[in-house]
Amino acid sequence: MTHVSKRPCRALACAAALSGGLLALPAWAADLRVEVNHSHLHTLKHTASTLIVGNPAIADVSISNNNTLVVFGKTYGMTNLIALDATGRQVANLDVRVTESGGTNMVVNRGASQLSYSCAPRCVRVIDTADEPTLTDSLISTTKSVTGYADAAASGDTE
């Protein structure tokens, strides 16, 4: 009569159970850093059909093609992004950090008010969510006018 040890069989059964469990786990969280007012391309390992952004006020995300995401930093902060495939299975879970732009920015504080500038090489006012709203409204209005003219010219509307 042949004797078969139960120990190797148990080890094999445990390994099979653990490997099956690992395959069923969702994608784990990773970090993605994007500068405010900049776009970043991120390639997923799997095709995504649905995107969920924790706080869409911080970052905007769209699918460029099946596995390439375009992440736009809207304002400073941190949020998360979950990507699902067509069956609803999670294929990505990212922590998205929106940070300030490179080293050419400067902030001027006047009492409790703040104004932001981009200095490369000449300093010009830029829009920042932390700036004093009453001091920034005219800059926002001017920016909308300029972009409106540019959009009209691009679409061929010259009236």
C-alpha atoms as a PDB file:
ATOM      1  CA  MET A   1       0.000   0.000   0.000  1.00  0.00           C
ATOM      2  CA  THR A   2       1.364   3.404  -0.983  1.00  0.00           C
ATOM      3  CA  HIS A   3       1.312   6.187   1.579  1.00  0.00           C
ATOM      4  CA  VAL A   4       0.742   9.757   0.323  1.00  0.00           C
ATOM      5  CA  SER A   5       1.689  12.560   2.668  1.00  0.00           C
ATOM      6  CA  LYS A   6      -1.039  15.147   3.280  1.00  0.00           C
ATOM      7  CA  ARG A   7       1.479  17.971   3.801  1.00  0.00           C
ATOM      8  CA  PRO A   8       2.446  18.531   0.090  1.00  0.00           C
ATOM      9  CA  CYS A   9      -1.210  18.257  -0.941  1.00  0.00           C
ATOM     10  CA  ARG A  10      -2.208  20.886   1.613  1.00  0.00           C
ATOM     11  CA  ALA A  11       0.593  23.194   0.448  1.00  0.00           C
ATOM     12  CA  LEU A  12      -0.509  22.789  -3.165  1.00  0.00           C
ATOM     13  CA  ALA A  13      -4.152  23.462  -2.261  1.00  0.00           C
ATOM     14  CA  CYS A  14      -3.173  26.580  -0.275  1.00  0.00           C
ATOM     15  CA  ALA A  15      -1.033  27.890  -3.145  1.00  0.00           C
ATOM     16  CA  ALA A  16      -3.877  27.375  -5.620  1.00  0.00           C
ATOM     17  CA  ALA A  17      -6.371  29.103  -3.327  1.00  0.00           C
ATOM     18  CA  LEU A  18      -4.060  32.052  -2.713  1.00  0.00           C
ATOM     19  CA  SER A  19      -3.172  32.543  -6.374  1.00  0.00           C
ATOM     20  CA  GLY A  20      -6.839  32.490  -7.364  1.00  0.00           C
ATOM     21  CA  GLY A  21      -7.569  35.066  -4.670  1.00  0.00           C
ATOM     22  CA  LEU A  22      -4.794  37.333  -5.914  1.00  0.00           C
ATOM     23  CA  LEU A  23      -6.131  37.246  -9.443  1.00  0.00           C
ATOM     24  CA  ALA A  24      -9.526  38.409  -8.204  1.00  0.00           C
ATOM     25  CA  LEU A  25      -8.154  41.456  -6.373  1.00  0.00           C
ATOM     26  CA  PRO A  26      -8.854  44.869  -7.919  1.00  0.00           C
ATOM     27  CA  ALA A  27      -6.016  47.060  -9.131  1.00  0.00           C
ATOM     28  CA  TRP A  28      -4.288  48.723  -6.179  1.00  0.00           C
ATOM     29  CA  ALA A  29      -3.883  52.454  -5.677  1.00  0.00           C
ATOM     30  CA  ALA A  30      -1.022  54.328  -7.299  1.00  0.00           C
ATOM     31  CA  ASP A  31      -0.079  58.001  -7.382  1.00  0.00           C
ATOM     32  CA  LEU A  32      -0.526  60.306 -10.336  1.00  0.00           C
ATOM     33  CA  ARG A  33       0.808  63.865 -10.156  1.00  0.00           C
ATOM     34  CA  VAL A  34      -0.344  66.619 -12.491  1.00  0.00           C
ATOM     35  CA  GLU A  35       0.314  70.360 -12.327  1.00  0.00           C
ATOM     36  CA  VAL A  36      -2.584  72.795 -12.059  1.00  0.00           C
ATOM     37  CA  ASN A  37      -3.763  73.977 -15.504  1.00  0.00           C
ATOM     38  CA  HIS A  38      -1.809  71.179 -17.208  1.00  0.00           C
ATOM     39  CA  SER A  39      -2.824  67.911 -18.840  1.00  0.00           C
ATOM     40  CA  HIS A  40      -1.174  64.551 -18.262  1.00  0.00           C
ATOM     41  CA  LEU A  41      -1.533  61.334 -20.274  1.00  0.00           C
ATOM     42  CA  HIS A  42      -1.780  58.114 -18.287  1.00  0.00           C
ATOM     43  CA  THR A  43      -1.819  54.666 -19.890  1.00  0.00           C
ATOM     44  CA  LEU A  44      -3.813  51.905 -18.232  1.00  0.00           C
ATOM     45  CA  LYS A  45      -2.862  48.234 -18.481  1.00  0.00           C
ATOM     46  CA  HIS A  46      -6.469  47.323 -19.317  1.00  0.00           C
ATOM     47  CA  THR A  47      -9.298  48.900 -21.295  1.00  0.00           C
ATOM     48  CA  ALA A  48     -11.537  51.290 -19.340  1.00  0.00           C
ATOM     49  CA  SER A  49     -15.093  52.234 -20.226  1.00  0.00           C
ATOM     50  CA  THR A  50     -16.185  54.104 -17.077  1.00  0.00           C
ATOM     51  CA  LEU A  51     -14.291  56.712 -15.034  1.00  0.00           C
ATOM     52  CA  ILE A  52     -15.186  57.875 -11.538  1.00  0.00           C
ATOM     53  CA  VAL A  53     -13.456  60.967 -10.110  1.00  0.00           C
ATOM     54  CA  GLY A  54     -13.764  61.527  -6.362  1.00  0.00           C
ATOM     55  CA  ASN A  55     -13.742  65.327  -6.599  1.00  0.00           C
ATOM     56  CA  PRO A  56     -14.237  66.634 -10.144  1.00  0.00           C
ATOM     57  CA  ALA A  57     -13.504  70.183  -8.932  1.00  0.00           C
ATOM     58  CA  ILE A  58      -9.833  69.168  -8.474  1.00  0.00           C
ATOM     59  CA  ALA A  59      -9.202  67.144 -11.646  1.00  0.00           C
ATOM     60  CA  ASP A  60     -11.005  66.392 -14.878  1.00  0.00           C
ATOM     61  CA  VAL A  61     -10.412  63.027 -16.547  1.00  0.00           C
ATOM     62  CA  SER A  62     -11.441  61.736 -19.955  1.00  0.00           C
ATOM     63  CA  ILE A  63     -10.697  58.625 -22.005  1.00  0.00           C
ATOM     64  CA  SER A  64      -8.598  59.409 -25.086  1.00  0.00           C
ATOM     65  CA  ASN A  65      -8.794  55.838 -26.348  1.00  0.00           C
ATOM     66  CA  ASN A  66      -9.579  52.549 -24.619  1.00  0.00           C
ATOM     67  CA  ASN A  67      -6.583  52.606 -22.296  1.00  0.00           C
ATOM     68  CA  THR A  68      -5.241  56.189 -22.384  1.00  0.00           C
ATOM     69  CA  LEU A  69      -6.566  58.755 -19.927  1.00  0.00           C
ATOM     70  CA  VAL A  70      -6.192  62.531 -20.145  1.00  0.00           C
ATOM     71  CA  VAL A  71      -6.003  64.044 -16.648  1.00  0.00           C
ATOM     72  CA  PHE A  72      -6.369  67.828 -16.330  1.00  0.00           C
ATOM     73  CA  GLY A  73      -5.409  69.558 -13.060  1.00  0.00           C
ATOM     74  CA  LYS A  74      -8.140  72.093 -12.296  1.00  0.00           C
ATOM     75  CA  THR A  75      -7.120  73.254  -8.827  1.00  0.00           C
ATOM     76  CA  TYR A  76      -4.722  72.269  -6.054  1.00  0.00           C
ATOM     77  CA  GLY A  77      -5.562  69.250  -3.964  1.00  0.00           C
ATOM     78  CA  MET A  78      -5.908  65.506  -3.965  1.00  0.00           C
ATOM     79  CA  THR A  79      -8.665  63.256  -5.242  1.00  0.00           C
ATOM     80  CA  ASN A  80      -8.969  59.734  -6.542  1.00  0.00           C
ATOM     81  CA  LEU A  81      -9.798  58.143  -9.866  1.00  0.00           C
ATOM     82  CA  ILE A  82     -11.358  54.727 -10.377  1.00  0.00           C
ATOM     83  CA  ALA A  83     -11.495  53.155 -13.846  1.00  0.00           C
ATOM     84  CA  LEU A  84     -13.888  50.304 -14.627  1.00  0.00           C
ATOM     85  CA  ASP A  85     -13.994  48.008 -17.638  1.00  0.00           C
ATOM     86  CA  ALA A  86     -17.163  47.208 -19.608  1.00  0.00           C
ATOM     87  CA  THR A  87     -18.168  44.510 -17.093  1.00  0.00           C
ATOM     88  CA  GLY A  88     -17.811  46.878 -14.125  1.00  0.00           C
ATOM     89  CA  ARG A  89     -14.540  45.346 -12.909  1.00  0.00           C
ATOM     90  CA  GLN A  90     -12.060  47.832 -11.435  1.00  0.00           C
ATOM     91  CA  VAL A  91      -8.975  48.132 -13.653  1.00  0.00           C
ATOM     92  CA  ALA A  92      -7.324  51.129 -11.955  1.00  0.00           C
ATOM     93  CA  ASN A  93      -7.455  53.027  -8.682  1.00  0.00           C
ATOM     94  CA  LEU A  94      -5.282  56.139  -8.681  1.00  0.00           C
ATOM     95  CA  ASP A  95      -4.640  58.879  -6.152  1.00  0.00           C
ATOM     96  CA  VAL A  96      -4.458  62.091  -8.197  1.00  0.00           C
ATOM     97  CA  ARG A  97      -2.416  64.960  -6.737  1.00  0.00           C
ATOM     98  CA  VAL A  98      -2.749  68.357  -8.398  1.00  0.00           C
ATOM     99  CA  THR A  99       0.258  70.499  -7.526  1.00  0.00           C
ATOM    100  CA  GLU A 100       1.487  73.963  -8.407  1.00  0.00           C
ATOM    101  CA  SER A 101       3.296  74.593 -11.667  1.00  0.00           C
ATOM    102  CA  GLY A 102       7.068  74.810 -11.976  1.00  0.00           C
ATOM    103  CA  GLY A 103       9.296  77.302 -10.205  1.00  0.00           C
ATOM    104  CA  THR A 104       8.315  80.429 -12.174  1.00  0.00           C
ATOM    105  CA  ASN A 105       5.266  81.333 -10.075  1.00  0.00           C
ATOM    106  CA  MET A 106       5.199  84.058  -7.449  1.00  0.00           C
ATOM    107  CA  VAL A 107       2.547  85.001  -4.884  1.00  0.00           C
ATOM    108  CA  VAL A 108       2.175  88.552  -3.546  1.00  0.00           C
ATOM    109  CA  ASN A 109       0.281  88.985  -0.291  1.00  0.00           C
ATOM    110  CA  ARG A 110      -1.318  92.327   0.574  1.00  0.00           C
ATOM    111  CA  GLY A 111      -2.789  91.971   4.030  1.00  0.00           C
ATOM    112  CA  ALA A 112      -5.292  89.130   3.729  1.00  0.00           C
ATOM    113  CA  SER A 113      -5.387  89.369  -0.099  1.00  0.00           C
ATOM    114  CA  GLN A 114      -3.307  87.241  -2.427  1.00  0.00           C
ATOM    115  CA  LEU A 115      -2.353  87.792  -6.080  1.00  0.00           C
ATOM    116  CA  SER A 116      -0.528  85.237  -8.253  1.00  0.00           C
ATOM    117  CA  TYR A 117       1.997  85.922 -11.000  1.00  0.00           C
ATOM    118  CA  SER A 118       3.884  83.853 -13.537  1.00  0.00           C
ATOM    119  CA  CYS A 119       7.411  85.171 -14.042  1.00  0.00           C
ATOM    120  CA  ALA A 120       9.086  83.795 -17.155  1.00  0.00           C
ATOM    121  CA  PRO A 121      10.943  86.187 -17.571  1.00  0.00           C
ATOM    122  CA  ARG A 122       8.437  89.066 -17.134  1.00  0.00           C
ATOM    123  CA  CYS A 123       5.849  88.740 -14.339  1.00  0.00           C
ATOM    124  CA  VAL A 124       2.189  88.709 -15.439  1.00  0.00           C
ATOM    125  CA  ARG A 125      -0.984  88.081 -13.438  1.00  0.00           C
ATOM    126  CA  VAL A 126      -2.400  84.570 -13.557  1.00  0.00           C
ATOM    127  CA  ILE A 127      -5.632  83.149 -12.216  1.00  0.00           C
ATOM    128  CA  ASP A 128      -5.304  81.116  -9.042  1.00  0.00           C
ATOM    129  CA  THR A 129      -8.181  79.768  -6.968  1.00  0.00           C
ATOM    130  CA  ALA A 130      -6.586  81.142  -3.789  1.00  0.00           C
ATOM    131  CA  ASP A 131      -6.424  84.722  -5.127  1.00  0.00           C
ATOM    132  CA  GLU A 132      -8.663  87.513  -3.863  1.00  0.00           C
ATOM    133  CA  PRO A 133     -11.872  87.187  -5.961  1.00  0.00           C
ATOM    134  CA  THR A 134     -12.554  90.927  -6.266  1.00  0.00           C
ATOM    135  CA  LEU A 135      -9.023  91.500  -7.563  1.00  0.00           C
ATOM    136  CA  THR A 136      -9.234  88.564  -9.985  1.00  0.00           C
ATOM    137  CA  ASP A 137     -12.675  89.177 -11.539  1.00  0.00           C
ATOM    138  CA  SER A 138     -11.363  91.665 -14.136  1.00  0.00           C
ATOM    139  CA  LEU A 139      -8.602  89.238 -15.164  1.00  0.00           C
ATOM    140  CA  ILE A 140     -11.166  86.449 -15.574  1.00  0.00           C
ATOM    141  CA  SER A 141     -13.397  88.743 -17.663  1.00  0.00           C
ATOM    142  CA  THR A 142     -10.491  89.747 -19.911  1.00  0.00           C
ATOM    143  CA  THR A 143      -9.403  86.127 -20.307  1.00  0.00           C
ATOM    144  CA  LYS A 144     -12.940  85.098 -21.321  1.00  0.00           C
ATOM    145  CA  SER A 145     -13.038  87.886 -23.919  1.00  0.00           C
ATOM    146  CA  VAL A 146      -9.709  86.869 -25.436  1.00  0.00           C
ATOM    147  CA  THR A 147     -10.602  83.173 -25.553  1.00  0.00           C
ATOM    148  CA  GLY A 148     -14.018  84.074 -26.994  1.00  0.00           C
ATOM    149  CA  TYR A 149     -12.361  85.970 -29.849  1.00  0.00           C
ATOM    150  CA  ALA A 150      -9.934  83.105 -30.428  1.00  0.00           C
ATOM    151  CA  ASP A 151     -12.770  80.539 -30.481  1.00  0.00           C
ATOM    152  CA  ALA A 152     -14.748  82.684 -32.935  1.00  0.00           C
ATOM    153  CA  ALA A 153     -11.734  83.078 -35.228  1.00  0.00           C
ATOM    154  CA  ALA A 154     -11.011  79.343 -35.104  1.00  0.00           C
ATOM    155  CA  SER A 155     -14.604  78.525 -36.098  1.00  0.00           C
ATOM    156  CA  GLY A 156     -14.548  81.063 -38.960  1.00  0.00           C
ATOM    157  CA  ASP A 157     -17.034  83.449 -37.323  1.00  0.00           C
ATOM    158  CA  THR A 158     -15.532  86.881 -38.024  1.00  0.00           C
ATOM    159  CA  GLU A 159     -18.605  89.015 -37.269  1.00  0.00           C
END
